[in-house]
């Protein structure tokens, strides 16, 4: 098969293998570190975890992606990318080790969160740099295949790292500091692999004329504003509605994630180990829903159209979420985790399609940057709202009902007739 042949050819390219190894080690370390951080905040026996603490951890993990992301490219076009991988991963190894020390020391929580925030902020530069460097090690003919393989492999590495962290935690590895130290070791390995590549191999080209840093940053901000203005034009309003719908559905998913974490810690289990097992099973089922969405959505959106498919997903969530969630029983909640993973990811795929189909090519990159910000800020905002609404044991019928109403509003908004467009 041509795909297998191209894949074998890619793996024969020495510098591609090295760049892929950096990605696998970096994202594997991300999975280990993030699960170690989350289980420390939520499941450490010595900590009295609250929904507010869970919301703070989510903010640490996600806000850097939103706030740094749109501007990362400006700096990556000025720094040698190989040095970004080297120094970025060395810095993350040091910061992750510092985080592990802070976990075992009697220090204010804010120091722990500052250290963790720095780790995740650097991550945005490393991931963006990996994508920007790929054309420097792969020829144009195989670039599409490389772009398909590398991010997918990185996501699998992050999932595997998170799974390894869960296994170590359940096995009784003295608890989370040891898991976070493993993440630091993997970051260090990624930095060492980058030394196998020449400093200038991955670019950027030095001779390219560049505006000043201040001009580039302000230009990026103006570009994002212009992208939002582009969405106000009549042919693009369906894309604006889809982005708003996706932000609201992401908000719902974030609120329910905090509810589930709190229930696993206090409301449904009698021990931290039992809570960890239940959470791991819920996350696995949610991941299975994400996978099924990738399989089902091309067919369903092709039959119904992406807009109607979003309506179906939102309606399904509006009906099933309270039916499965309000009893606050483990079995139905696990089914709810699967359903919400399926509906959220299916709606996201449909939203991606709408944006790609209706937004002009010259604005598409900026719109997806805005999309990324909305996606993560909605999740963090939901965590903050949930922290205010949830009781200590996580059993909040009002939060469940509020989320169901939001899903119904999304379905009504996307189902509202609009002017004819290329996407229905």
Protein backbone atom coordinates (compact mmCIF):
# COMPACT_ATOMS: atom_id res chain seq x y z
CA UNK A 1 0.00 0.00 0.00
CA UNK A 2 1.15 3.52 -0.81
CA UNK A 3 0.48 4.76 2.74
CA UNK A 4 2.58 2.02 4.31
CA UNK A 5 5.36 2.64 1.80
CA UNK A 6 5.37 6.39 2.56
CA UNK A 7 5.37 5.69 6.28
CA UNK A 8 8.36 3.40 5.96
CA UNK A 9 10.13 6.03 3.89
CA UNK A 10 9.47 8.68 6.53
CA UNK A 11 10.89 6.51 9.28
CA UNK A 12 14.05 5.99 7.23
CA UNK A 13 14.73 9.74 7.34
CA UNK A 14 17.13 10.22 10.23
CA UNK A 15 16.18 13.79 11.15
CA UNK A 16 12.46 13.01 10.91
CA UNK A 17 12.95 10.13 13.36
CA UNK A 18 14.79 12.44 15.75
CA UNK A 19 12.13 15.15 15.50
CA UNK A 20 9.44 12.51 16.07
CA UNK A 21 11.36 11.19 19.09
CA UNK A 22 11.41 14.72 20.57
CA UNK A 23 7.64 14.94 20.07
CA UNK A 24 6.95 11.52 21.59
CA UNK A 25 9.12 12.17 24.64
CA UNK A 26 7.79 15.73 25.12
CA UNK A 27 4.13 14.80 24.82
CA UNK A 28 4.59 11.59 26.81
CA UNK A 29 6.11 13.73 29.56
CA UNK A 30 3.14 16.12 29.27
CA UNK A 31 0.75 13.22 29.90
CA UNK A 32 2.72 12.00 32.91
CA UNK A 33 3.11 15.50 34.36
CA UNK A 34 -0.50 16.57 33.88
CA UNK A 35 -1.97 13.41 35.41
CA UNK A 36 0.52 13.65 38.29
CA UNK A 37 -0.51 17.25 38.85
CA UNK A 38 -4.23 16.46 38.65
CA UNK A 39 -4.11 13.46 40.98
CA UNK A 40 -2.06 15.45 43.51
CA UNK A 41 -4.64 18.23 43.55
CA UNK A 42 -7.68 15.93 43.63
CA UNK A 43 -6.65 12.63 45.25
CA UNK A 44 -3.81 13.28 47.68
CA UNK A 45 -4.98 11.86 51.04
CA UNK A 46 -3.32 14.71 52.93
CA UNK A 47 -5.18 17.40 50.94
CA UNK A 48 -8.78 18.42 51.49
CA UNK A 49 -9.55 19.02 47.85
CA UNK A 50 -12.27 21.49 46.93
CA UNK A 51 -13.90 22.31 43.58
CA UNK A 52 -12.00 25.61 43.71
CA UNK A 53 -8.69 23.70 43.86
CA UNK A 54 -9.77 21.59 40.88
CA UNK A 55 -10.67 24.75 38.95
CA UNK A 56 -7.26 26.24 39.77
CA UNK A 57 -5.51 23.12 38.46
CA UNK A 58 -7.50 23.29 35.21
CA UNK A 59 -6.58 26.94 34.79
CA UNK A 60 -2.90 26.06 35.24
CA UNK A 61 -3.12 23.29 32.63
CA UNK A 62 -5.12 25.15 29.99
CA UNK A 63 -4.78 28.94 30.21
CA UNK A 64 -1.20 29.08 28.87
CA UNK A 65 -2.42 27.38 25.68
CA UNK A 66 -5.01 30.11 25.23
CA UNK A 67 -3.04 33.18 26.20
CA UNK A 68 0.37 32.28 24.78
CA UNK A 69 -0.76 30.28 21.74
CA UNK A 70 -1.67 33.05 19.26
CA UNK A 71 1.65 34.83 19.88
CA UNK A 72 3.97 31.80 20.04
CA UNK A 73 4.65 31.87 16.29
CA UNK A 74 6.01 35.42 16.46
CA UNK A 75 8.84 34.30 18.76
CA UNK A 76 9.35 30.96 17.02
CA UNK A 77 10.16 32.84 13.82
CA UNK A 78 13.01 34.55 15.69
CA UNK A 79 14.49 31.71 17.75
CA UNK A 80 16.30 28.65 16.39
CA UNK A 81 13.77 25.88 16.77
CA UNK A 82 16.29 23.27 17.79
CA UNK A 83 17.29 25.56 20.67
CA UNK A 84 13.64 25.93 21.61
CA UNK A 85 13.43 22.14 21.98
CA UNK A 86 16.70 21.99 23.90
CA UNK A 87 16.23 24.89 26.30
CA UNK A 88 12.46 24.52 26.53
CA UNK A 89 12.65 20.88 27.60
CA UNK A 90 15.57 21.54 29.95
CA UNK A 91 13.56 24.32 31.55
CA UNK A 92 10.51 22.08 31.85
CA UNK A 93 12.62 19.30 33.39
CA UNK A 94 13.92 21.75 36.01
CA UNK A 95 10.45 23.19 36.68
CA UNK A 96 8.85 19.74 36.88
CA UNK A 97 11.49 18.65 39.39
CA UNK A 98 10.79 21.84 41.34
CA UNK A 99 7.09 21.02 41.29
CA UNK A 100 7.86 17.57 42.73
CA UNK A 101 9.88 19.16 45.54
CA UNK A 102 7.06 21.60 46.29
CA UNK A 103 4.61 18.67 46.51
CA UNK A 104 6.62 17.22 49.39
CA UNK A 105 7.34 20.50 51.16
CA UNK A 106 5.12 22.60 53.38
CA UNK A 107 4.87 25.61 51.06
CA UNK A 108 1.95 27.83 50.06
CA UNK A 109 -0.11 26.39 47.20
CA UNK A 110 0.56 29.46 45.06
CA UNK A 111 4.24 28.49 44.67
CA UNK A 112 3.20 25.04 43.45
CA UNK A 113 0.76 26.55 40.95
CA UNK A 114 3.30 29.09 39.64
CA UNK A 115 5.79 26.28 38.96
CA UNK A 116 3.15 24.17 37.20
CA UNK A 117 1.92 27.18 35.19
CA UNK A 118 5.44 27.79 33.86
CA UNK A 119 5.76 24.16 32.73
CA UNK A 120 2.55 24.29 30.72
CA UNK A 121 3.33 27.73 29.27
CA UNK A 122 6.63 26.50 27.79
CA UNK A 123 4.75 23.54 26.31
CA UNK A 124 2.97 25.77 23.79
CA UNK A 125 6.28 26.89 22.27
CA UNK A 126 7.56 23.32 21.99
CA UNK A 127 4.44 21.98 20.28
CA UNK A 128 4.20 24.88 17.85
CA UNK A 129 7.91 24.57 17.10
CA UNK A 130 7.56 20.86 16.30
CA UNK A 131 4.94 21.63 13.67
CA UNK A 132 6.93 24.55 12.24
CA UNK A 133 10.11 22.45 12.00
CA UNK A 134 8.55 19.51 10.14
CA UNK A 135 9.04 20.92 6.59
CA UNK A 136 12.78 21.21 7.34
CA UNK A 137 13.19 17.42 7.68
CA UNK A 138 10.58 16.09 5.19
CA UNK A 139 10.25 16.81 1.48
CA UNK A 140 7.07 18.41 0.10
CA UNK A 141 5.85 15.15 -1.42
CA UNK A 142 5.56 13.45 1.97
CA UNK A 143 4.69 16.46 4.12
CA UNK A 144 0.97 15.62 4.29
CA UNK A 145 1.77 12.10 5.50
CA UNK A 146 4.23 13.51 8.05
CA UNK A 147 1.63 16.04 9.28
CA UNK A 148 -0.82 13.18 9.76
CA UNK A 149 1.60 10.85 11.53
CA UNK A 150 3.39 13.22 13.90
CA UNK A 151 0.48 14.89 15.79
CA UNK A 152 -1.39 11.57 16.00
CA UNK A 153 1.67 9.82 17.41
CA UNK A 154 2.16 12.70 19.84
CA UNK A 155 -1.43 12.46 21.08
CA UNK A 156 -1.01 8.71 21.59
CA UNK A 157 2.21 9.36 23.50
CA UNK A 158 0.41 11.85 25.78
CA UNK A 159 -2.38 9.34 26.37
CA UNK A 160 0.18 6.61 27.10
CA UNK A 161 2.04 8.91 29.48
CA UNK A 162 -1.16 9.74 31.32
CA UNK A 163 -2.05 6.04 31.49
CA UNK A 164 1.39 5.21 32.88
CA UNK A 165 0.97 7.91 35.53
CA UNK A 166 -2.40 6.43 36.53
CA UNK A 167 -0.89 2.94 36.77
CA UNK A 168 2.01 4.17 38.91
CA UNK A 169 -0.36 6.08 41.16
CA UNK A 170 -2.66 3.08 41.61
CA UNK A 171 0.37 0.86 42.25
CA UNK A 172 1.24 3.10 45.19
CA UNK A 173 4.24 4.96 43.77
CA UNK A 174 4.98 7.37 46.57
CA UNK A 175 2.43 9.25 45.33
CA UNK A 176 2.47 12.12 42.97
CA UNK A 177 5.93 13.62 43.45
CA UNK A 178 7.49 10.42 42.04
CA UNK A 179 5.14 10.56 39.04
CA UNK A 180 6.00 14.19 38.36
CA UNK A 181 9.72 13.36 38.64
CA UNK A 182 9.22 10.74 35.92
CA UNK A 183 7.82 13.53 33.75
CA UNK A 184 10.93 15.59 34.48
CA UNK A 185 13.14 12.69 33.36
CA UNK A 186 11.21 12.40 30.09
CA UNK A 187 11.55 16.14 29.47
CA UNK A 188 15.29 15.79 30.03
CA UNK A 189 15.44 12.90 27.53
CA UNK A 190 13.64 15.05 24.94
CA UNK A 191 16.23 17.79 25.45
CA UNK A 192 19.09 15.32 25.01
CA UNK A 193 17.61 13.95 21.77
CA UNK A 194 17.48 17.50 20.36
CA UNK A 195 21.28 17.66 20.74
CA UNK A 196 21.53 15.04 17.98
CA UNK A 197 20.35 17.68 15.48
CA UNK A 198 22.40 20.57 14.12
CA UNK A 199 21.49 23.93 15.72
CA UNK A 200 20.45 25.53 12.41
CA UNK A 201 18.83 22.47 10.82
CA UNK A 202 15.27 23.28 11.85
CA UNK A 203 15.32 26.98 10.97
CA UNK A 204 14.16 29.64 10.79
CA UNK A 205 16.22 31.10 7.97
CA UNK A 206 18.36 33.94 9.27
CA UNK A 207 18.30 35.98 6.08
CA UNK A 208 14.53 36.45 6.10
CA UNK A 209 13.51 40.06 6.79
CA UNK A 210 11.40 40.39 9.89
CA UNK A 211 9.54 43.26 11.52
CA UNK A 212 10.48 44.26 15.04
CA UNK A 213 9.13 42.13 17.86
CA UNK A 214 6.76 44.86 19.04
CA UNK A 215 5.42 45.37 15.53
CA UNK A 216 4.94 41.62 15.09
CA UNK A 217 3.08 41.24 18.40
CA UNK A 218 0.77 44.18 17.77
CA UNK A 219 0.23 42.94 14.22
CA UNK A 220 -0.81 39.55 15.58
CA UNK A 221 -3.31 41.20 17.94
CA UNK A 222 -4.73 43.29 15.08
CA UNK A 223 -4.97 40.16 12.94
CA UNK A 224 -7.04 38.39 15.61
CA UNK A 225 -9.37 41.39 15.81
CA UNK A 226 -9.69 41.40 12.03
CA UNK A 227 -10.52 37.70 12.14
CA UNK A 228 -13.36 38.32 14.60
CA UNK A 229 -14.65 41.14 12.37
CA UNK A 230 -14.56 38.73 9.41
CA UNK A 231 -16.98 36.46 11.25
CA UNK A 232 -19.56 39.28 11.35
CA UNK A 233 -19.94 39.26 7.56
CA UNK A 234 -23.21 37.54 6.46
CA UNK A 235 -21.58 34.55 4.66
CA UNK A 236 -19.53 33.81 7.79
CA UNK A 237 -22.23 34.17 10.44
CA UNK A 238 -22.94 30.45 10.46
CA UNK A 239 -19.29 29.94 11.42
CA UNK A 240 -19.70 32.46 14.25
CA UNK A 241 -22.78 30.59 15.48
CA UNK A 242 -20.94 27.28 15.32
CA UNK A 243 -18.02 28.70 17.31
CA UNK A 244 -20.39 30.08 19.94
CA UNK A 245 -22.18 26.72 20.11
CA UNK A 246 -18.89 24.86 20.50
CA UNK A 247 -17.73 27.23 23.24
CA UNK A 248 -20.98 26.60 25.15
CA UNK A 249 -20.69 22.83 24.71
CA UNK A 250 -17.09 22.98 25.89
CA UNK A 251 -18.32 25.00 28.89
CA UNK A 252 -20.79 22.20 29.69
CA UNK A 253 -18.08 19.55 29.34
CA UNK A 254 -15.79 21.50 31.68
CA UNK A 255 -18.46 21.96 34.34
CA UNK A 256 -19.33 18.27 34.26
CA UNK A 257 -15.64 17.33 34.43
CA UNK A 258 -15.27 19.22 37.72
CA UNK A 259 -18.48 17.60 38.98
CA UNK A 260 -17.16 14.14 38.08
CA UNK A 261 -13.76 14.77 39.70
CA UNK A 262 -15.43 15.91 42.91
CA UNK A 263 -17.81 12.94 42.92
CA UNK A 264 -14.93 10.51 42.35
CA UNK A 265 -13.04 12.07 45.24
CA UNK A 266 -15.88 12.40 47.78
CA UNK A 267 -19.40 11.63 46.58
CA UNK A 268 -19.15 8.11 45.14
CA UNK A 269 -16.14 6.44 46.76
CA UNK A 270 -14.76 5.81 50.21
CA UNK A 271 -11.03 5.88 49.40
CA UNK A 272 -8.66 7.72 47.11
CA UNK A 273 -7.63 4.51 45.34
CA UNK A 274 -11.23 3.64 44.58
CA UNK A 275 -11.80 7.20 43.37
CA UNK A 276 -8.78 7.01 41.09
CA UNK A 277 -10.01 3.77 39.55
CA UNK A 278 -13.44 5.24 38.91
CA UNK A 279 -11.95 8.39 37.39
CA UNK A 280 -9.62 6.37 35.18
CA UNK A 281 -12.55 4.32 33.92
CA UNK A 282 -14.60 7.47 33.25
CA UNK A 283 -11.75 9.07 31.32
CA UNK A 284 -11.24 5.90 29.30
CA UNK A 285 -14.93 5.82 28.38
CA UNK A 286 -14.88 9.50 27.48
CA UNK A 287 -11.85 8.81 25.28
CA UNK A 288 -13.75 5.96 23.63
CA UNK A 289 -16.53 8.46 22.90
CA UNK A 290 -13.99 10.80 21.31
CA UNK A 291 -12.75 7.95 19.12
CA UNK A 292 -16.25 6.89 18.08
CA UNK A 293 -17.04 10.51 17.18
CA UNK A 294 -14.13 10.49 14.71
CA UNK A 295 -15.56 7.34 13.12
CA UNK A 296 -19.24 8.34 13.05
CA UNK A 297 -19.12 12.06 12.29
CA UNK A 298 -17.94 11.92 8.65
CA UNK A 299 -20.93 9.71 7.80
CA UNK A 300 -23.46 11.53 9.99
CA UNK A 301 -22.39 15.03 8.99
CA UNK A 302 -22.36 13.92 5.37
CA UNK A 303 -25.98 12.73 5.64
CA UNK A 304 -27.37 15.52 7.82
CA UNK A 305 -24.94 18.37 7.19
CA UNK A 306 -22.59 19.62 9.92
CA UNK A 307 -25.05 22.19 11.28
CA UNK A 308 -27.84 19.64 11.79
CA UNK A 309 -25.33 17.18 13.24
CA UNK A 310 -24.40 19.74 15.91
CA UNK A 311 -28.13 20.11 16.68
CA UNK A 312 -28.46 16.33 17.08
CA UNK A 313 -25.43 16.17 19.38
CA UNK A 314 -26.65 19.04 21.55
CA UNK A 315 -30.16 17.59 21.79
CA UNK A 316 -28.80 14.16 22.73
CA UNK A 317 -26.68 15.71 25.46
CA UNK A 318 -29.60 17.86 26.70
CA UNK A 319 -31.77 14.74 27.15
CA UNK A 320 -29.24 12.15 28.29
CA UNK A 321 -27.09 14.30 30.57
CA UNK A 322 -29.77 14.92 33.24
CA UNK A 323 -31.25 11.43 32.81
CA UNK A 324 -27.89 9.80 33.51
CA UNK A 325 -26.45 12.42 35.87
CA UNK A 326 -29.21 13.31 38.31
CA UNK A 327 -29.26 9.92 40.10
CA UNK A 328 -25.57 10.52 41.02
CA UNK A 329 -24.82 6.80 40.70
CA UNK A 330 -21.53 5.48 39.31
CA UNK A 331 -22.91 3.28 36.51
CA UNK A 332 -25.06 5.93 34.78
CA UNK A 333 -22.33 8.54 35.26
CA UNK A 334 -19.87 6.31 33.41
CA UNK A 335 -22.34 6.03 30.53
CA UNK A 336 -22.73 9.83 30.65
CA UNK A 337 -18.94 10.23 30.35
CA UNK A 338 -19.03 8.18 27.14
CA UNK A 339 -22.03 10.09 25.73
CA UNK A 340 -20.53 13.49 26.49
CA UNK A 341 -17.17 12.51 24.99
CA UNK A 342 -18.98 11.40 21.84
CA UNK A 343 -21.27 14.43 21.50
CA UNK A 344 -18.63 17.04 22.38
CA UNK A 345 -16.01 15.70 19.97
CA UNK A 346 -18.57 15.10 17.22
CA UNK A 347 -19.76 18.71 17.51
CA UNK A 348 -16.15 19.92 17.44
CA UNK A 349 -15.41 18.02 14.23
CA UNK A 350 -18.54 19.48 12.65
CA UNK A 351 -17.56 22.97 13.83
CA UNK A 352 -14.09 22.56 12.30
CA UNK A 353 -15.77 21.64 9.01
CA UNK A 354 -18.07 24.67 9.09
CA UNK A 355 -15.19 27.04 9.79
CA UNK A 356 -13.03 25.51 7.07
CA UNK A 357 -15.90 25.67 4.57
CA UNK A 358 -17.14 29.22 5.17
CA UNK A 359 -14.12 31.27 6.26
CA UNK A 360 -11.86 32.71 3.58
CA UNK A 361 -8.41 31.13 3.40
CA UNK A 362 -6.64 34.37 4.29
CA UNK A 363 -8.48 34.52 7.62
CA UNK A 364 -8.62 30.82 8.46
CA UNK A 365 -5.48 30.67 10.59
CA UNK A 366 -6.57 33.65 12.67
CA UNK A 367 -10.06 32.24 13.16
CA UNK A 368 -8.64 28.94 14.38
CA UNK A 369 -6.44 30.87 16.84
CA UNK A 370 -9.59 32.58 18.16
CA UNK A 371 -11.26 29.15 18.23
CA UNK A 372 -8.43 27.74 20.33
CA UNK A 373 -8.75 30.58 22.83
CA UNK A 374 -12.54 30.16 23.07
CA UNK A 375 -12.22 26.39 23.45
CA UNK A 376 -9.87 26.52 26.43
CA UNK A 377 -11.21 29.66 28.13
CA UNK A 378 -14.73 28.17 28.07
CA UNK A 379 -13.43 25.04 29.81
CA UNK A 380 -11.59 27.03 32.49
CA UNK A 381 -14.55 29.38 32.96
CA UNK A 382 -16.82 26.38 33.44
CA UNK A 383 -14.49 25.04 36.10
CA UNK A 384 -14.75 28.38 37.93
CA UNK A 385 -18.57 28.37 37.75
CA UNK A 386 -18.70 24.76 38.93
CA UNK A 387 -16.42 25.61 41.85
CA UNK A 388 -18.96 28.20 42.99
CA UNK A 389 -21.98 25.90 42.60
CA UNK A 390 -20.74 22.51 43.81
CA UNK A 391 -21.12 21.34 47.41
CA UNK A 392 -18.18 19.48 48.97
CA UNK A 393 -19.42 16.06 47.83
CA UNK A 394 -20.14 17.18 44.25
CA UNK A 395 -23.88 16.34 44.26
CA UNK A 396 -25.40 19.44 42.65
CA UNK A 397 -28.71 18.90 40.80
CA UNK A 398 -28.71 22.60 39.92
CA UNK A 399 -25.45 22.30 38.00
CA UNK A 400 -26.74 19.27 36.09
CA UNK A 401 -29.96 21.10 35.19
CA UNK A 402 -28.08 24.26 34.18
CA UNK A 403 -25.87 22.26 31.81
CA UNK A 404 -28.91 20.52 30.28
CA UNK A 405 -30.52 23.93 29.64
CA UNK A 406 -27.34 25.19 27.95
CA UNK A 407 -27.28 22.15 25.67
CA UNK A 408 -30.93 22.82 24.77
CA UNK A 409 -30.11 26.48 24.02
CA UNK A 410 -27.27 25.35 21.73
CA UNK A 411 -29.62 23.01 19.86
CA UNK A 412 -32.22 25.77 19.46
CA UNK A 413 -29.64 28.32 18.35
CA UNK A 414 -28.04 26.07 15.75
CA UNK A 415 -31.44 24.83 14.57
CA UNK A 416 -32.70 28.38 13.96
CA UNK A 417 -33.22 29.02 10.23
CA UNK A 418 -30.53 31.14 8.63
CA UNK A 419 -29.70 32.50 5.23
CA UNK A 420 -28.70 29.85 2.69
CA UNK A 421 -25.00 29.00 2.77
CA UNK A 422 -22.68 26.29 1.60
CA UNK A 423 -23.02 24.44 4.91
CA UNK A 424 -26.44 23.25 6.17
